[in-house]
Amino acid sequence: EMCIRDSLKTVNLNYCMFSVFESVIFKTNKAIDNIYLMDNSIAKIDVQAFQGLEAVNYVELSSNSIESIEDMSFISLQNLSDLQLNGNLINKIGENAFNCLFGLTYLDLADNCIETQSDSTFDCLKNLNSLFLNANFIESIQSNLFNNLEKLNTLYLNDNYIRELDSTLPFEKLINLNDLILSNNSIKSINSNSFRYLLSVNSIDLSHNNINELNESQMFETLTSLENLKLDNNDLASIVSDAFHKMISLKRLNLSVNRLMTLSENTFSENSAMMELNLSQTFISKFDENLYGLAKAKAPLLSLNISYSYVNHFNDFAFHNFAALETLSFRNDHLTIITKNVFDKLPNLRELDLSYNVICMIEANAFDTNKKLETLDLRGNRLRQMPSNLLKNCSKLGSLNLDENFFEDLDDVLDFVDDETDFKLKDGFFKQVDCLSLKSNRIKRFNIDQLYRFTSSYFNFYLERNQIRELKKSDFGNFNSIGSLHMDYNLIESLDCDRFFEKFSTINYVILRHNRIKRVNKSFFWDTDLTNINV
């Protein structure tokens, strides 16, 4: 028996190893409004446990060993708004278990052993806003289970064993539902009427299921308010051409990790609000400037991802209808050449990922109009040389990644700048650049005198896994704004220079490990503020 002050508002008994939970714990302290009993060993809730605690609005019973919720277990808690029962062993819920909880807005039953529930389990929860039934053993949803939950805003049913959404219409009464999460189930088929009454839904997550086709036009036809739809990680091989036509508010669509080989030229012709489209890890190999109807819809597309697919060529006009694009990713495709016109209508492009293709040539002036470009990833290609003037207008570039190409000399890389013009800029070329990465190339000659035009006060330079054999002061010329220098896994045999780092006022991190260093001049590291040295 415990004695608790009459004025106490919050009782925290987490991690106390309680195995029995009875009303005697609290007596009749009517001032308590928060009860925390998380991570104990409670196996059963006494029907009278909360007797006299009418003021309580929050009860935390998660991570216990509760196996069942009996009828009238919470009958005294008429002002309860938040009930946490997640992480127990609950496999049975009484038909009247939640009776009298008229004020409950948040109920968490996630991570239990629930398989089925009575049709009337949630009937009294007319003000419920959020319901978590995820991570249970639910295989099907009874048609009347949610009938009285008209105020429900969020419903989590993910990580269960649901196989199909049939004609029983379990969501029929959820007219105010905003978010429906059905990911990580075993759903293979969806009845055309399953979502018909979800008129207010904003987001539906059907990712990580076994859906193999969307061949019914009516499936999404009433979802005019839907903005986010996740269908990634399914088994989709075909989508009927007008499947998304009624979804006039759709902004974000994820179709990645499916078996799609192509889409109809009008698939997105009515989706005029589309801002983000993810088609990565599919079998798509080509597309034109219409982009499956998005050009016709005049969609304000901001992000397009078709990475890990089979795209091997860009039409020169591929992106001419999408001037709003800010992020473009074609990582790990089969691109070989980047022509000068392909990105010339993308003035707002900020991030461009072309890594891990087989690009061997980039035409001069390819990025002339991309003045807002901040990140350019070209690693893992077959580039041997960068054309002069390639990045002359990219004054906001902050990160340039050229790892794992075939460069043999830094001059082959730095030719992308015209010495006669761009280096005369008052503030220096690429004044925002703080990172240049050339890992895993074939660079033997190391002379970065030209880099003094990079005016970042903390420049990070990555040259590991190349074939550099020596370090000389002359290699750096007038460049003195290095913040960190990474030259591990090269062929450097000695560090012979006297006071090598004396002019680098900003450097604090040097990595030279895994070289062939046998000899180090005792004054090599003198006159420096280095805080980290790894040899």
Protein backbone atom coordinates (compact mmCIF):
# COMPACT_ATOMS: atom_id res chain seq x y z
CA GLU A 1 0.00 0.00 0.00
CA MET A 2 1.29 3.43 -0.91
CA CYS A 3 0.52 6.80 0.60
CA ILE A 4 0.19 9.55 -2.00
CA ARG A 5 -0.36 13.25 -1.26
CA ASP A 6 -3.86 14.50 -1.88
CA SER A 7 -2.56 17.34 -4.11
CA LEU A 8 -0.34 15.16 -6.32
CA LYS A 9 -1.03 15.65 -10.04
CA THR A 10 1.35 13.14 -11.63
CA VAL A 11 2.27 9.65 -10.47
CA ASN A 12 5.35 8.15 -12.14
CA LEU A 13 5.88 4.49 -11.33
CA ASN A 14 7.74 3.46 -14.50
CA TYR A 15 10.32 0.66 -14.21
CA CYS A 16 9.20 -0.39 -10.71
CA MET A 17 8.67 -4.10 -11.42
CA PHE A 18 5.00 -4.04 -10.37
CA SER A 19 3.23 -7.27 -11.19
CA VAL A 20 -0.11 -6.50 -9.56
CA PHE A 21 -2.10 -3.36 -10.25
CA GLU A 22 -4.96 -2.61 -7.88
CA SER A 23 -6.88 0.43 -6.71
CA VAL A 24 -5.09 0.38 -3.36
CA ILE A 25 -2.05 1.89 -5.09
CA PHE A 26 -3.78 5.21 -5.50
CA LYS A 27 -6.47 5.05 -2.83
CA THR A 28 -8.91 7.81 -3.83
CA ASN A 29 -6.69 10.74 -4.71
CA LYS A 30 -8.99 12.77 -6.93
CA ALA A 31 -6.27 15.29 -7.94
CA ILE A 32 -4.21 12.86 -10.02
CA ASP A 33 -4.40 13.55 -13.78
CA ASN A 34 -1.36 11.62 -15.15
CA ILE A 35 -0.44 8.02 -14.31
CA TYR A 36 2.77 6.42 -15.61
CA LEU A 37 3.17 2.65 -15.18
CA MET A 38 5.37 1.87 -18.18
CA ASP A 39 7.77 -1.07 -18.27
CA ASN A 40 6.57 -3.01 -15.26
CA SER A 41 5.37 -6.62 -15.12
CA ILE A 42 1.66 -5.93 -14.83
CA ALA A 43 -0.33 -8.85 -16.26
CA LYS A 44 -3.86 -7.78 -15.46
CA ILE A 45 -5.85 -4.59 -14.91
CA ASP A 46 -8.14 -4.82 -11.91
CA VAL A 47 -11.64 -3.62 -12.75
CA GLN A 48 -11.55 -1.32 -9.72
CA ALA A 49 -7.97 -0.15 -10.27
CA PHE A 50 -8.91 3.40 -11.26
CA GLN A 51 -11.91 3.81 -8.99
CA GLY A 52 -12.26 7.39 -7.75
CA LEU A 53 -9.75 8.83 -10.24
CA GLU A 54 -12.20 10.84 -12.30
CA ALA A 55 -9.65 13.60 -13.06
CA VAL A 56 -7.13 11.36 -14.81
CA ASN A 57 -6.64 12.24 -18.49
CA TYR A 58 -3.45 10.29 -19.28
CA VAL A 59 -2.61 6.64 -18.48
CA GLU A 60 0.64 4.99 -19.57
CA LEU A 61 0.60 1.18 -19.39
CA SER A 62 2.93 0.35 -22.26
CA SER A 63 5.61 -2.35 -22.13
CA ASN A 64 3.96 -4.54 -19.50
CA SER A 65 2.67 -8.12 -19.71
CA ILE A 66 -1.04 -7.46 -20.02
CA GLU A 67 -2.77 -10.24 -21.96
CA SER A 68 -6.38 -9.10 -21.96
CA ILE A 69 -8.51 -6.02 -21.41
CA GLU A 70 -11.66 -6.98 -19.53
CA ASP A 71 -15.03 -5.27 -19.83
CA MET A 72 -15.35 -2.01 -17.91
CA SER A 73 -11.60 -1.92 -17.10
CA PHE A 74 -11.52 1.88 -17.37
CA ILE A 75 -15.11 2.71 -16.40
CA SER A 76 -14.00 5.25 -13.75
CA LEU A 77 -11.82 7.25 -16.15
CA GLN A 78 -14.55 9.27 -17.79
CA ASN A 79 -12.18 12.19 -18.48
CA LEU A 80 -9.40 10.06 -19.96
CA SER A 81 -8.06 11.47 -23.23
CA ASP A 82 -4.88 9.44 -23.80
CA LEU A 83 -4.46 5.69 -23.17
CA GLN A 84 -1.16 3.92 -23.93
CA LEU A 85 -1.35 0.11 -24.04
CA ASN A 86 1.32 -0.58 -26.66
CA GLY A 87 4.01 -3.18 -26.20
CA ASN A 88 1.99 -5.67 -24.15
CA LEU A 89 0.76 -9.19 -24.89
CA ILE A 90 -2.89 -8.29 -25.44
CA ASN A 91 -4.73 -10.91 -27.46
CA LYS A 92 -8.25 -10.33 -26.17
CA ILE A 93 -10.25 -7.13 -25.75
CA GLY A 94 -13.64 -7.29 -24.09
CA GLU A 95 -16.61 -6.09 -26.07
CA ASN A 96 -17.20 -3.35 -23.50
CA ALA A 97 -13.57 -2.79 -22.50
CA PHE A 98 -13.60 0.90 -23.44
CA ASN A 99 -17.15 1.72 -22.36
CA CYS A 100 -17.63 5.20 -20.87
CA LEU A 101 -14.37 6.56 -22.37
CA PHE A 102 -16.30 9.22 -24.22
CA GLY A 103 -13.46 11.74 -24.03
CA LEU A 104 -10.70 9.44 -25.30
CA THR A 105 -8.87 10.97 -28.27
CA TYR A 106 -5.70 8.84 -28.42
CA LEU A 107 -5.56 5.03 -28.09
CA ASP A 108 -2.36 3.08 -28.68
CA LEU A 109 -2.72 -0.71 -28.97
CA ALA A 110 0.34 -1.20 -31.15
CA ASP A 111 2.81 -4.05 -30.74
CA ASN A 112 0.46 -6.54 -29.10
CA CYS A 113 -0.96 -9.94 -30.11
CA ILE A 114 -4.39 -8.83 -31.32
CA GLU A 115 -5.90 -10.99 -34.06
CA THR A 116 -9.58 -10.08 -34.05
CA GLN A 117 -11.87 -7.69 -32.22
CA SER A 118 -15.59 -7.51 -31.61
CA ASP A 119 -17.49 -5.25 -33.98
CA SER A 120 -18.46 -3.11 -31.00
CA THR A 121 -14.99 -2.81 -29.40
CA PHE A 122 -14.61 0.86 -30.27
CA ASP A 123 -18.29 1.86 -30.34
CA CYS A 124 -18.08 4.24 -27.36
CA LEU A 125 -15.02 6.08 -28.61
CA LYS A 126 -16.91 8.71 -30.55
CA ASN A 127 -14.23 11.39 -30.00
CA LEU A 128 -11.24 9.21 -30.85
CA ASN A 129 -8.73 11.07 -33.02
CA SER A 130 -5.80 8.62 -33.29
CA LEU A 131 -5.93 4.81 -33.21
CA PHE A 132 -2.82 2.63 -33.33
CA LEU A 133 -3.35 -1.04 -34.17
CA ASN A 134 -0.03 -1.56 -35.91
CA ALA A 135 2.33 -4.46 -35.22
CA ASN A 136 -0.34 -6.97 -34.24
CA PHE A 137 -1.60 -10.20 -35.86
CA ILE A 138 -4.63 -8.81 -37.66
CA GLU A 139 -5.49 -10.66 -40.88
CA SER A 140 -8.77 -8.98 -41.77
CA ILE A 141 -10.84 -5.96 -40.76
CA GLN A 142 -14.45 -6.42 -39.74
CA SER A 143 -16.87 -4.30 -41.71
CA ASN A 144 -18.36 -2.52 -38.66
CA LEU A 145 -15.23 -2.20 -36.53
CA PHE A 146 -14.78 1.54 -37.09
CA ASN A 147 -18.42 2.48 -37.62
CA ASN A 148 -18.68 4.96 -34.73
CA LEU A 149 -15.28 6.59 -35.19
CA GLU A 150 -16.44 9.49 -37.31
CA LYS A 151 -13.90 11.87 -35.72
CA LEU A 152 -10.94 9.56 -36.33
CA ASN A 153 -8.08 11.44 -37.96
CA THR A 154 -5.25 8.90 -38.00
CA LEU A 155 -5.44 5.10 -38.30
CA TYR A 156 -2.36 2.87 -38.12
CA LEU A 157 -2.81 -0.68 -39.37
CA ASN A 158 0.71 -1.26 -40.61
CA ASP A 159 2.85 -4.29 -39.78
CA ASN A 160 -0.02 -6.76 -39.59
CA TYR A 161 -1.04 -9.71 -41.78
CA ILE A 162 -3.89 -8.19 -43.75
CA ARG A 163 -4.18 -9.99 -47.10
CA GLU A 164 -6.88 -8.04 -48.88
CA LEU A 165 -9.19 -5.06 -48.68
CA ASP A 166 -12.47 -6.60 -49.75
CA SER A 167 -15.99 -5.40 -50.34
CA THR A 168 -16.91 -5.17 -46.63
CA LEU A 169 -15.96 -1.47 -46.66
CA PRO A 170 -14.36 -1.22 -43.19
CA PHE A 171 -13.53 2.47 -43.72
CA GLU A 172 -17.01 3.51 -44.81
CA LYS A 173 -17.77 5.68 -41.76
CA LEU A 174 -14.33 7.31 -41.46
CA ILE A 175 -15.41 10.48 -43.18
CA ASN A 176 -12.85 12.67 -41.38
CA LEU A 177 -9.85 10.35 -41.66
CA ASN A 178 -6.71 12.20 -42.67
CA ASP A 179 -3.98 9.54 -42.55
CA LEU A 180 -4.37 5.82 -43.28
CA ILE A 181 -1.28 3.64 -42.84
CA LEU A 182 -1.48 0.10 -44.23
CA SER A 183 2.19 -0.52 -44.97
CA ASN A 184 4.01 -3.78 -44.25
CA ASN A 185 1.05 -6.10 -44.60
CA SER A 186 0.44 -8.85 -47.16
CA ILE A 187 -2.18 -7.02 -49.20
CA LYS A 188 -2.42 -8.42 -52.69
CA SER A 189 -5.74 -7.07 -53.88
CA ILE A 190 -7.85 -3.99 -53.18
CA ASN A 191 -11.56 -3.84 -53.86
CA SER A 192 -12.52 -0.91 -56.06
CA ASN A 193 -14.75 0.48 -53.29
CA SER A 194 -12.33 0.12 -50.39
CA PHE A 195 -11.51 3.83 -50.21
CA ARG A 196 -14.74 5.20 -51.66
CA TYR A 197 -15.88 7.02 -48.51
CA LEU A 198 -12.54 8.49 -47.44
CA LEU A 199 -13.45 11.91 -48.74
CA SER A 200 -11.10 13.83 -46.44
CA VAL A 201 -8.08 11.56 -46.48
CA ASN A 202 -4.79 13.35 -47.11
CA SER A 203 -2.31 10.48 -46.99
CA ILE A 204 -2.47 6.73 -47.69
CA ASP A 205 0.51 4.44 -47.18
CA LEU A 206 0.26 1.07 -48.98
CA SER A 207 3.99 0.47 -49.21
CA HIS A 208 5.63 -2.90 -48.56
CA ASN A 209 2.71 -5.08 -49.58
CA ASN A 210 2.14 -7.57 -52.42
CA ILE A 211 -0.08 -5.50 -54.70
CA ASN A 212 0.59 -6.62 -58.27
CA GLU A 213 -1.77 -4.46 -60.28
CA LEU A 214 -3.96 -1.37 -60.23
CA ASN A 215 -6.36 -2.20 -63.00
CA GLU A 216 -9.60 -0.67 -61.73
CA SER A 217 -10.20 2.97 -62.57
CA GLN A 218 -12.63 3.42 -59.68
CA MET A 219 -10.16 2.48 -56.95
CA PHE A 220 -9.06 6.05 -56.17
CA GLU A 221 -11.77 8.02 -57.92
CA THR A 222 -13.27 9.64 -54.79
CA LEU A 223 -9.91 10.62 -53.25
CA THR A 224 -9.96 14.20 -54.47
CA SER A 225 -8.32 15.47 -51.27
CA LEU A 226 -5.46 12.96 -51.25
CA GLU A 227 -2.02 14.59 -51.38
CA ASN A 228 0.34 11.73 -50.51
CA LEU A 229 0.21 8.18 -51.84
CA LYS A 230 2.86 5.54 -51.15
CA LEU A 231 2.80 2.40 -53.27
CA ASP A 232 6.50 1.60 -53.11
CA ASN A 233 7.89 -1.86 -52.40
CA ASN A 234 5.01 -3.79 -53.90
CA ASP A 235 4.85 -6.12 -56.88
CA LEU A 236 3.19 -3.69 -59.28
CA ALA A 237 3.63 -4.60 -62.92
CA SER A 238 0.76 -2.65 -64.46
CA ILE A 239 -1.33 0.43 -63.72
CA VAL A 240 -4.45 1.31 -65.65
CA SER A 241 -3.96 4.58 -67.52
CA ASP A 242 -6.57 6.58 -65.57
CA ALA A 243 -5.91 5.13 -62.11
CA PHE A 244 -4.83 8.51 -60.71
CA HIS A 245 -6.96 10.84 -62.84
CA LYS A 246 -9.46 11.79 -60.12
CA MET A 247 -6.76 12.52 -57.58
CA ILE A 248 -6.57 16.20 -58.46
CA SER A 249 -4.79 17.16 -55.22
CA LEU A 250 -2.06 14.52 -55.43
CA LYS A 251 1.33 16.08 -54.67
CA ARG A 252 3.61 13.18 -53.74
CA LEU A 253 3.55 9.73 -55.34
CA ASN A 254 6.00 6.94 -54.59
CA LEU A 255 6.02 3.99 -57.00
CA SER A 256 9.58 2.88 -56.35
CA VAL A 257 10.70 -0.75 -56.00
CA ASN A 258 8.07 -2.26 -58.27
CA ARG A 259 8.11 -4.26 -61.52
CA LEU A 260 6.89 -1.40 -63.70
CA MET A 261 8.46 -1.32 -67.16
CA THR A 262 6.51 1.63 -68.48
CA LEU A 263 3.47 3.81 -67.85
CA SER A 264 0.81 5.14 -70.18
CA GLU A 265 1.51 8.50 -71.78
CA ASN A 266 -1.55 9.86 -69.95
CA THR A 267 -1.05 8.24 -66.55
CA PHE A 268 -0.55 11.62 -64.81
CA SER A 269 -2.30 13.88 -67.29
CA GLU A 270 -4.84 15.07 -64.67
CA ASN A 271 -2.44 15.41 -61.73
CA SER A 272 -1.80 19.12 -62.01
CA ALA A 273 -0.66 19.41 -58.36
CA MET A 274 2.13 16.81 -58.55
CA MET A 275 5.33 17.99 -56.88
CA GLU A 276 7.28 14.80 -56.14
CA LEU A 277 7.45 11.59 -58.19
CA ASN A 278 9.57 8.58 -57.27
CA LEU A 279 9.99 5.83 -59.88
CA SER A 280 13.32 4.49 -58.64
CA GLN A 281 14.15 0.77 -58.65
CA THR A 282 11.72 -0.08 -61.40
CA PHE A 283 12.35 -1.41 -64.91
CA ILE A 284 11.65 1.90 -66.64
CA SER A 285 14.18 2.52 -69.39
CA LYS A 286 12.92 5.59 -71.22
CA PHE A 287 10.56 8.53 -71.08
CA ASP A 288 9.95 11.61 -73.19
CA GLU A 289 9.29 15.28 -72.51
CA ASN A 290 5.66 14.52 -71.64
CA LEU A 291 6.77 12.40 -68.64
CA TYR A 292 3.69 10.18 -68.65
CA GLY A 293 1.29 13.11 -68.86
CA LEU A 294 2.81 15.46 -66.26
CA ALA A 295 3.73 17.98 -68.95
CA LYS A 296 0.16 17.97 -70.23
CA ALA A 297 -1.06 18.52 -66.66
CA LYS A 298 1.41 21.41 -66.25
CA ALA A 299 2.41 19.97 -62.90
CA PRO A 300 4.81 22.06 -60.75
CA LEU A 301 7.18 19.12 -60.35
CA LEU A 302 9.95 19.81 -57.80
CA SER A 303 11.52 16.38 -57.39
CA LEU A 304 11.97 13.46 -59.80
CA ASN A 305 13.72 10.21 -58.90
CA ILE A 306 14.24 7.42 -61.46
CA SER A 307 17.37 5.95 -59.87
CA TYR A 308 18.37 2.27 -59.98
CA SER A 309 16.38 1.72 -63.15
CA TYR A 310 17.34 1.22 -66.78
CA VAL A 311 17.40 4.74 -68.21
CA ASN A 312 20.25 4.89 -70.73
CA HIS A 313 19.52 8.06 -72.64
CA PHE A 314 18.05 11.54 -72.16
CA ASN A 315 16.03 13.15 -74.89
CA ASP A 316 17.37 16.71 -75.31
CA PHE A 317 13.90 17.99 -74.43
CA ALA A 318 13.27 15.54 -71.57
CA PHE A 319 12.96 18.20 -68.88
CA HIS A 320 11.97 21.25 -70.92
CA ASN A 321 8.47 21.30 -69.46
CA PHE A 322 9.57 21.18 -65.83
CA ALA A 323 11.29 24.46 -65.05
CA ALA A 324 10.35 24.20 -61.36
CA LEU A 325 12.48 21.05 -60.79
CA GLU A 326 14.84 21.40 -57.82
CA THR A 327 15.95 17.81 -57.25
CA LEU A 328 16.78 15.30 -59.97
CA SER A 329 18.16 11.82 -59.31
CA PHE A 330 19.24 9.22 -61.86
CA ARG A 331 21.65 7.32 -59.65
CA ASN A 332 22.76 3.89 -60.81
CA ASP A 333 21.10 3.92 -64.21
CA HIS A 334 22.79 3.32 -67.58
CA LEU A 335 23.49 6.84 -68.83
CA THR A 336 26.55 7.27 -71.06
CA ILE A 337 26.50 10.86 -72.34
CA ILE A 338 25.17 14.15 -70.96
CA THR A 339 24.43 16.55 -73.80
CA LYS A 340 24.58 20.31 -73.50
CA ASN A 341 20.83 20.83 -73.90
CA VAL A 342 19.33 18.27 -71.55
CA PHE A 343 19.30 20.45 -68.41
CA ASP A 344 19.19 23.88 -70.03
CA LYS A 345 15.56 24.56 -69.06
CA LEU A 346 16.06 23.86 -65.35
CA PRO A 347 17.01 27.22 -63.82
CA ASN A 348 15.89 26.15 -60.33
CA LEU A 349 17.84 22.88 -60.15
CA ARG A 350 19.64 22.57 -56.80
CA GLU A 351 20.55 18.89 -56.49
CA LEU A 352 21.62 16.65 -59.36
CA ASP A 353 22.60 13.02 -58.78
CA LEU A 354 24.08 11.23 -61.80
CA SER A 355 26.28 8.89 -59.79
CA TYR A 356 27.07 5.28 -60.69
CA ASN A 357 26.15 5.41 -64.34
CA VAL A 358 28.57 4.77 -67.18
CA ILE A 359 28.97 8.42 -68.22
CA CYS A 360 32.14 8.88 -70.23
CA MET A 361 31.41 12.33 -71.65
CA ILE A 362 29.72 15.53 -70.57
CA GLU A 363 29.38 18.12 -73.28
CA ALA A 364 30.69 21.62 -72.64
CA ASN A 365 28.11 24.12 -71.35
CA ALA A 366 25.88 21.30 -70.07
CA PHE A 367 25.23 23.19 -66.80
CA ASP A 368 25.30 26.78 -68.09
CA THR A 369 21.75 27.62 -67.02
CA ASN A 370 21.83 25.78 -63.69
CA LYS A 371 22.91 28.80 -61.67
CA LYS A 372 21.27 27.56 -58.46
CA LEU A 373 22.99 24.18 -58.50
CA GLU A 374 24.28 23.37 -54.99
CA THR A 375 25.09 19.65 -55.13
CA LEU A 376 26.45 17.70 -58.09
CA ASP A 377 27.20 14.00 -57.72
CA LEU A 378 29.13 12.39 -60.59
CA ARG A 379 30.90 9.62 -58.72
CA GLY A 380 31.13 6.09 -60.03
CA ASN A 381 31.22 6.98 -63.73
CA ARG A 382 33.89 6.70 -66.42
CA LEU A 383 34.98 10.30 -66.72
CA ARG A 384 38.59 10.94 -67.67
CA GLN A 385 38.39 14.67 -68.21
CA MET A 386 36.06 17.56 -67.43
CA PRO A 387 35.36 19.96 -70.31
CA SER A 388 36.46 23.55 -69.84
CA ASN A 389 33.82 26.02 -68.65
CA LEU A 390 31.56 23.17 -67.57
CA LEU A 391 30.58 24.79 -64.27
CA LYS A 392 31.35 28.42 -65.00
CA ASN A 393 27.89 29.64 -64.01
CA CYS A 394 27.37 27.40 -60.97
CA SER A 395 28.41 29.97 -58.39
CA LYS A 396 26.32 28.35 -55.62
CA LEU A 397 27.83 24.90 -55.94
CA GLY A 398 28.64 23.62 -52.45
CA SER A 399 29.49 19.97 -53.06
CA LEU A 400 31.10 18.30 -56.07
CA ASN A 401 31.66 14.55 -55.92
CA LEU A 402 33.91 12.98 -58.55
CA ASP A 403 34.87 9.79 -56.70
CA GLU A 404 35.45 6.51 -58.55
CA ASN A 405 36.06 7.86 -62.04
CA PHE A 406 39.07 7.48 -64.33
CA PHE A 407 40.87 10.79 -63.70
CA GLU A 408 44.64 10.49 -63.79
CA ASP A 409 45.67 14.11 -63.32
CA LEU A 410 44.06 16.94 -61.36
CA ASP A 411 44.46 19.16 -64.41
CA ASP A 412 41.95 16.89 -66.15
CA VAL A 413 39.47 17.80 -63.47
CA LEU A 414 40.21 21.48 -63.07
CA ASP A 415 39.85 22.21 -66.77
CA PHE A 416 36.18 22.84 -66.10
CA VAL A 417 37.18 26.43 -65.24
CA ASP A 418 38.43 29.01 -67.73
CA ASP A 419 41.52 30.70 -66.25
CA GLU A 420 41.13 33.78 -68.40
CA THR A 421 37.64 34.66 -67.26
CA ASP A 422 36.11 32.93 -64.31
CA PHE A 423 39.11 33.16 -62.01
CA LYS A 424 39.03 36.92 -62.30
CA LEU A 425 35.78 37.10 -60.34
CA LYS A 426 36.32 39.42 -57.39
CA ASP A 427 35.05 36.96 -54.78
CA GLY A 428 36.63 33.91 -56.34
CA PHE A 429 35.15 31.07 -58.32
CA PHE A 430 32.84 28.62 -56.51
CA LYS A 431 32.99 30.76 -53.39
CA GLN A 432 30.45 28.46 -51.68
CA VAL A 433 32.30 25.20 -52.34
CA ASP A 434 33.37 23.47 -49.13
CA CYS A 435 33.90 19.96 -50.46
CA LEU A 436 35.64 18.44 -53.48
CA SER A 437 35.81 14.66 -53.54
CA LEU A 438 38.02 12.68 -55.93
CA LYS A 439 38.23 9.36 -54.11
CA SER A 440 39.12 6.15 -55.93
CA ASN A 441 40.37 7.63 -59.20
CA ARG A 442 43.76 7.09 -60.84
CA ILE A 443 45.36 10.39 -59.94
CA LYS A 444 49.15 10.28 -59.84
CA ARG A 445 50.06 13.91 -60.25
CA PHE A 446 49.05 16.13 -57.37
CA ASN A 447 49.14 19.85 -58.03
CA ILE A 448 46.21 21.96 -56.93
CA ASP A 449 47.63 25.45 -57.36
CA GLN A 450 44.47 26.39 -59.25
CA LEU A 451 42.34 25.66 -56.20
CA TYR A 452 43.33 28.87 -54.47
CA ARG A 453 40.40 30.38 -56.35
CA PHE A 454 38.09 28.33 -54.13
CA THR A 455 37.49 30.83 -51.38
CA SER A 456 35.66 28.71 -48.84
CA SER A 457 37.26 29.34 -45.47
CA TYR A 458 37.02 25.64 -44.65
CA PHE A 459 37.58 23.54 -47.73
CA ASN A 460 37.45 19.74 -47.45
CA PHE A 461 39.53 17.86 -49.98
CA TYR A 462 39.18 14.08 -50.48
CA LEU A 463 41.91 12.31 -52.48
CA GLU A 464 42.02 8.89 -50.83
CA ARG A 465 42.49 5.70 -52.85
CA ASN A 466 44.45 7.20 -55.72
CA GLN A 467 48.07 6.68 -56.86
CA ILE A 468 49.79 9.76 -55.41
CA ARG A 469 53.40 9.05 -54.46
CA GLU A 470 54.66 12.25 -52.84
CA LEU A 471 53.65 15.48 -51.13
CA LYS A 472 55.44 18.74 -51.96
CA LYS A 473 54.78 22.31 -50.87
CA SER A 474 54.72 23.35 -54.49
CA ASP A 475 51.76 21.04 -55.04
CA PHE A 476 49.56 23.48 -53.17
CA GLY A 477 50.87 26.69 -54.72
CA ASN A 478 48.83 29.61 -53.40
CA PHE A 479 46.01 27.49 -52.05
CA ASN A 480 45.84 27.86 -48.27
CA SER A 481 42.21 27.49 -47.21
CA ILE A 482 42.10 23.73 -46.65
CA GLY A 483 40.09 22.64 -43.61
CA SER A 484 40.69 18.90 -43.93
CA LEU A 485 42.88 16.83 -46.23
CA HIS A 486 42.13 13.13 -46.80
CA MET A 487 44.92 11.24 -48.60
CA ASP A 488 44.73 7.75 -47.11
CA TYR A 489 45.25 4.66 -49.27
CA ASN A 490 47.74 6.23 -51.68
CA LEU A 491 51.39 5.37 -52.42
CA ILE A 492 53.14 8.12 -50.43
CA GLU A 493 56.54 6.88 -49.23
CA SER A 494 57.91 9.80 -47.22
CA LEU A 495 57.05 13.14 -45.61
CA ASP A 496 60.24 15.07 -46.25
CA CYS A 497 59.09 18.71 -46.42
CA ASP A 498 60.02 21.22 -43.76
CA ARG A 499 57.01 22.89 -42.04
CA PHE A 500 54.66 21.58 -44.69
CA PHE A 501 51.47 23.00 -43.15
CA GLU A 502 52.76 26.38 -41.99
CA LYS A 503 50.68 28.39 -44.48
CA PHE A 504 47.43 26.48 -43.88
CA SER A 505 45.87 28.65 -41.20
CA THR A 506 42.53 26.80 -41.30
CA ILE A 507 43.59 23.16 -41.50
CA ASN A 508 42.83 20.96 -38.48
CA TYR A 509 42.37 17.45 -39.87
CA VAL A 510 44.83 15.36 -41.92
CA ILE A 511 44.55 11.67 -42.79
CA LEU A 512 47.55 9.90 -44.33
CA ARG A 513 46.96 6.36 -43.10
CA HIS A 514 47.47 3.25 -45.25
CA ASN A 515 50.23 4.69 -47.40
CA ARG A 516 53.85 3.46 -47.63
CA ILE A 517 55.39 6.08 -45.37
CA LYS A 518 58.79 5.03 -44.00
CA ARG A 519 60.34 8.41 -43.27
CA VAL A 520 58.98 11.61 -41.68
CA ASN A 521 60.89 14.89 -41.40
CA LYS A 522 60.78 15.96 -37.74
CA SER A 523 59.60 19.45 -38.71
CA PHE A 524 56.96 18.28 -41.20
CA PHE A 525 54.08 19.09 -38.82
CA TRP A 526 55.59 22.20 -37.22
CA ASP A 527 53.82 25.59 -37.20
CA THR A 528 50.32 24.23 -37.59
CA ASP A 529 47.07 24.25 -35.60
CA LEU A 530 46.26 20.66 -36.52
CA THR A 531 44.00 18.99 -33.96
CA ASN A 532 43.75 15.57 -35.68
CA ILE A 533 46.53 13.71 -37.46
CA ASN A 534 46.18 10.12 -38.62
CA VAL A 535 49.27 8.63 -40.21
